[in-house]
Protein backbone atom coordinates (compact mmCIF):
# COMPACT_ATOMS: atom_id res chain seq x y z
CA MET A 1 -8.04 -56.12 40.56
CA LEU A 2 -7.82 -52.46 39.58
CA PRO A 3 -5.21 -51.52 36.98
CA LYS A 4 -1.99 -49.89 38.13
CA PHE A 5 -0.40 -47.31 35.88
CA GLU A 6 3.31 -47.20 36.68
CA ARG A 7 4.37 -45.62 33.38
CA ILE A 8 2.20 -43.40 31.21
CA LEU A 9 3.32 -42.50 27.69
CA TYR A 10 2.08 -39.04 26.66
CA CYS A 11 2.39 -38.45 22.91
CA THR A 12 2.47 -34.89 21.60
CA GLN A 13 2.72 -33.14 18.26
CA LEU A 14 3.41 -29.84 20.04
CA GLY A 15 0.38 -28.37 18.32
CA PRO A 16 -2.12 -25.76 19.52
CA ASN A 17 -4.16 -28.20 21.67
CA THR A 18 -1.20 -29.80 23.38
CA ALA A 19 -1.86 -28.27 26.80
CA TYR A 20 -5.41 -29.60 26.92
CA VAL A 21 -4.22 -33.19 26.39
CA PHE A 22 -1.17 -32.73 28.65
CA ARG A 23 -3.50 -31.80 31.53
CA TYR A 24 -5.06 -35.27 31.34
CA ALA A 25 -1.73 -37.08 31.14
CA TYR A 26 -0.28 -35.07 34.02
CA ALA A 27 -3.40 -35.47 36.20
CA LEU A 28 -3.42 -39.24 35.67
CA ALA A 29 0.29 -39.49 36.46
CA LYS A 30 -0.23 -37.51 39.67
CA LYS A 31 -3.33 -39.49 40.65
CA PHE A 32 -1.68 -42.88 40.14
CA ASP A 33 1.82 -41.81 41.25
CA SER A 34 3.09 -42.79 37.80
CA GLU A 35 6.09 -41.88 35.74
CA LEU A 36 5.08 -39.70 32.81
CA HIS A 37 7.13 -40.18 29.65
CA VAL A 38 6.69 -37.55 26.94
CA LEU A 39 7.16 -38.64 23.32
CA HIS A 40 7.34 -36.34 20.31
CA VAL A 41 7.85 -37.92 16.89
CA VAL A 42 9.48 -35.98 14.07
CA ASP A 43 8.15 -37.22 10.73
CA ALA A 44 10.87 -38.88 8.72
CA PRO A 45 11.03 -37.92 5.06
CA ASN A 46 10.13 -40.73 2.67
CA GLN A 47 12.58 -42.10 0.09
CA LEU A 48 11.43 -39.74 -2.69
CA GLN A 49 11.72 -36.70 -0.41
CA ARG A 50 15.23 -37.80 0.63
CA GLN A 51 16.27 -38.19 -3.03
CA VAL A 52 14.93 -34.76 -3.99
CA ILE A 53 16.67 -33.07 -1.04
CA ASP A 54 19.91 -34.98 -1.65
CA GLY A 55 19.81 -34.00 -5.34
CA TRP A 56 19.05 -30.38 -4.59
CA ALA A 57 21.08 -29.68 -1.43
CA GLY A 58 23.66 -32.44 -1.44
CA GLU A 59 23.98 -35.87 0.06
CA GLY A 60 23.70 -36.07 3.84
CA VAL A 61 22.01 -32.67 4.24
CA ILE A 62 18.68 -34.22 5.24
CA GLU A 63 20.31 -36.14 8.10
CA HIS A 64 21.89 -32.93 9.36
CA ILE A 65 18.53 -31.11 9.20
CA MET A 66 16.74 -33.96 11.00
CA ASP A 67 19.41 -34.04 13.75
CA GLU A 68 19.04 -30.28 14.25
CA GLN A 69 15.25 -30.58 14.43
CA GLU A 70 15.47 -33.37 17.03
CA ASP A 71 17.91 -31.31 19.14
CA GLU A 72 15.62 -28.27 18.90
CA GLN A 73 12.58 -30.28 20.03
CA LEU A 74 14.54 -31.89 22.89
CA ALA A 75 15.35 -28.37 24.15
CA ARG A 76 11.89 -26.97 23.44
CA ILE A 77 9.73 -29.60 25.17
CA PRO A 78 11.14 -29.24 28.71
CA ARG A 79 10.94 -25.45 28.43
CA ARG A 80 7.30 -25.57 27.32
CA ILE A 81 6.36 -28.09 30.02
CA ALA A 82 8.06 -25.98 32.69
CA GLU A 83 6.23 -22.83 31.53
CA PHE A 84 2.93 -24.69 31.50
CA CYS A 85 3.48 -26.15 34.97
CA VAL A 86 4.35 -22.77 36.45
CA ARG A 87 1.10 -21.36 34.97
CA GLU A 88 -1.03 -24.32 36.04
CA LEU A 89 0.66 -25.67 39.15
CA GLY A 90 2.61 -22.80 40.66
CA ASP A 91 5.89 -23.94 42.18
CA GLU A 92 5.24 -27.68 41.87
CA ASP A 93 8.29 -29.53 40.55
CA TRP A 94 7.10 -31.14 37.31
CA THR A 95 10.30 -33.19 37.06
CA ASP A 96 8.96 -35.42 39.82
CA VAL A 97 6.21 -36.51 37.41
CA VAL A 98 7.72 -36.08 33.93
CA THR A 99 10.59 -38.53 34.14
CA LYS A 100 11.62 -38.86 30.50
CA ILE A 101 11.34 -36.75 27.35
CA ILE A 102 11.91 -38.53 24.06
CA VAL A 103 12.16 -37.15 20.54
CA ALA A 104 12.13 -39.87 17.90
CA GLU A 105 12.18 -39.89 14.12
CA GLY A 106 9.88 -41.98 11.97
CA HIS A 107 6.23 -42.81 11.47
CA ALA A 108 4.36 -41.62 14.56
CA HIS A 109 2.20 -44.69 15.14
CA LYS A 110 5.15 -47.07 14.75
CA GLN A 111 7.30 -45.02 17.13
CA ILE A 112 4.50 -44.83 19.69
CA ILE A 113 3.94 -48.60 19.68
CA SER A 114 7.69 -49.21 19.82
CA HIS A 115 8.04 -46.92 22.84
CA VAL A 116 5.04 -48.49 24.58
CA THR A 117 6.95 -51.75 24.43
CA SER A 118 10.44 -50.48 25.22
CA LEU A 119 9.26 -48.33 28.15
CA ASN A 120 6.87 -51.01 29.39
CA ALA A 121 4.14 -48.36 29.45
CA ASP A 122 0.78 -49.17 31.01
CA LEU A 123 -1.25 -46.42 29.30
CA VAL A 124 -0.95 -44.12 26.28
CA VAL A 125 -2.42 -40.60 26.36
CA MET A 126 -2.70 -38.71 23.09
CA GLY A 127 -4.83 -36.15 21.31
CA ALA A 128 -7.12 -36.50 18.34
CA HIS A 129 -7.92 -34.14 15.52
CA ALA A 130 -11.47 -32.88 15.13
CA GLU A 131 -10.98 -32.62 11.40
CA SER A 132 -9.07 -34.99 9.19
CA SER A 133 -7.63 -34.71 5.74
CA LEU A 134 -8.65 -36.89 2.82
CA ILE A 135 -5.42 -38.85 3.23
CA GLU A 136 -6.15 -39.46 6.94
CA ARG A 137 -9.66 -40.62 6.05
CA LEU A 138 -8.23 -43.07 3.51
CA MET A 139 -5.16 -44.19 5.46
CA GLY A 140 -6.28 -43.68 9.07
CA SER A 141 -5.04 -41.18 11.62
CA THR A 142 -2.19 -41.76 14.04
CA ALA A 143 -4.66 -42.09 16.92
CA GLU A 144 -6.66 -44.72 15.01
CA ARG A 145 -3.55 -46.68 14.15
CA VAL A 146 -2.32 -46.60 17.74
CA LEU A 147 -5.75 -47.69 19.00
CA GLN A 148 -5.71 -50.64 16.60
CA ARG A 149 -2.18 -51.77 17.46
CA SER A 150 -1.51 -50.81 21.07
CA PRO A 151 -0.96 -53.64 23.56
CA VAL A 152 -2.10 -51.30 26.38
CA PRO A 153 -5.12 -49.00 26.86
CA VAL A 154 -5.10 -45.70 24.97
CA LEU A 155 -6.78 -42.52 26.18
CA VAL A 156 -7.53 -40.34 23.16
CA CYS A 157 -8.47 -36.80 24.18
CA GLN A 158 -10.66 -34.94 21.74
CA VAL A 159 -10.54 -31.19 22.41
CA PRO A 160 -14.21 -30.17 22.57
CA ASP A 161 -15.62 -27.14 20.82
CA GLY A 162 -15.16 -24.06 22.95
CA LYS A 163 -12.23 -25.54 24.88
CA GLN A 164 -9.52 -24.70 22.35
CA ALA A 165 -9.00 -21.35 24.11
CA LEU A 166 -7.92 -23.35 27.17
CA SER A 167 -5.20 -25.00 25.12
CA LEU A 168 -2.33 -22.79 26.13
CA ASP A 169 1.04 -23.38 24.57
CA VAL A 170 2.85 -26.49 25.85
């Protein structure tokens, strides 16, 4: 029996290659008549970072900053998706496909796996980095961690050389 994708979780960092990866997620959602859920994870500061900020700026400031950043991303993502869809799709109503936009705080791979489960997603679509830092090589990238832990298939889109120019802002 062929797989049915009812809910696709598209994970974005809102970086320069976002549009390239979004094209795949959107095309799959259209092809399979799926709901497309967009997830952006805001990195949570670690305990040491929280202590430094609390000591420097005052207790509770970091929570206020994180709340503002989440609100900003929640407003930014729909605007960027709408602009992209107008460029790529003309007058097509993207809200028929993109059914939920989520901004979460924490470690990206943990949030992605958590949302796969809570949304009952059938597929994860995310991008990969062509280059990795020393820390990523030692600790593993978000894509690698999601691949290792995901209970559902994961499509990792590597943006090929020469295609970055196609990665318009989304």
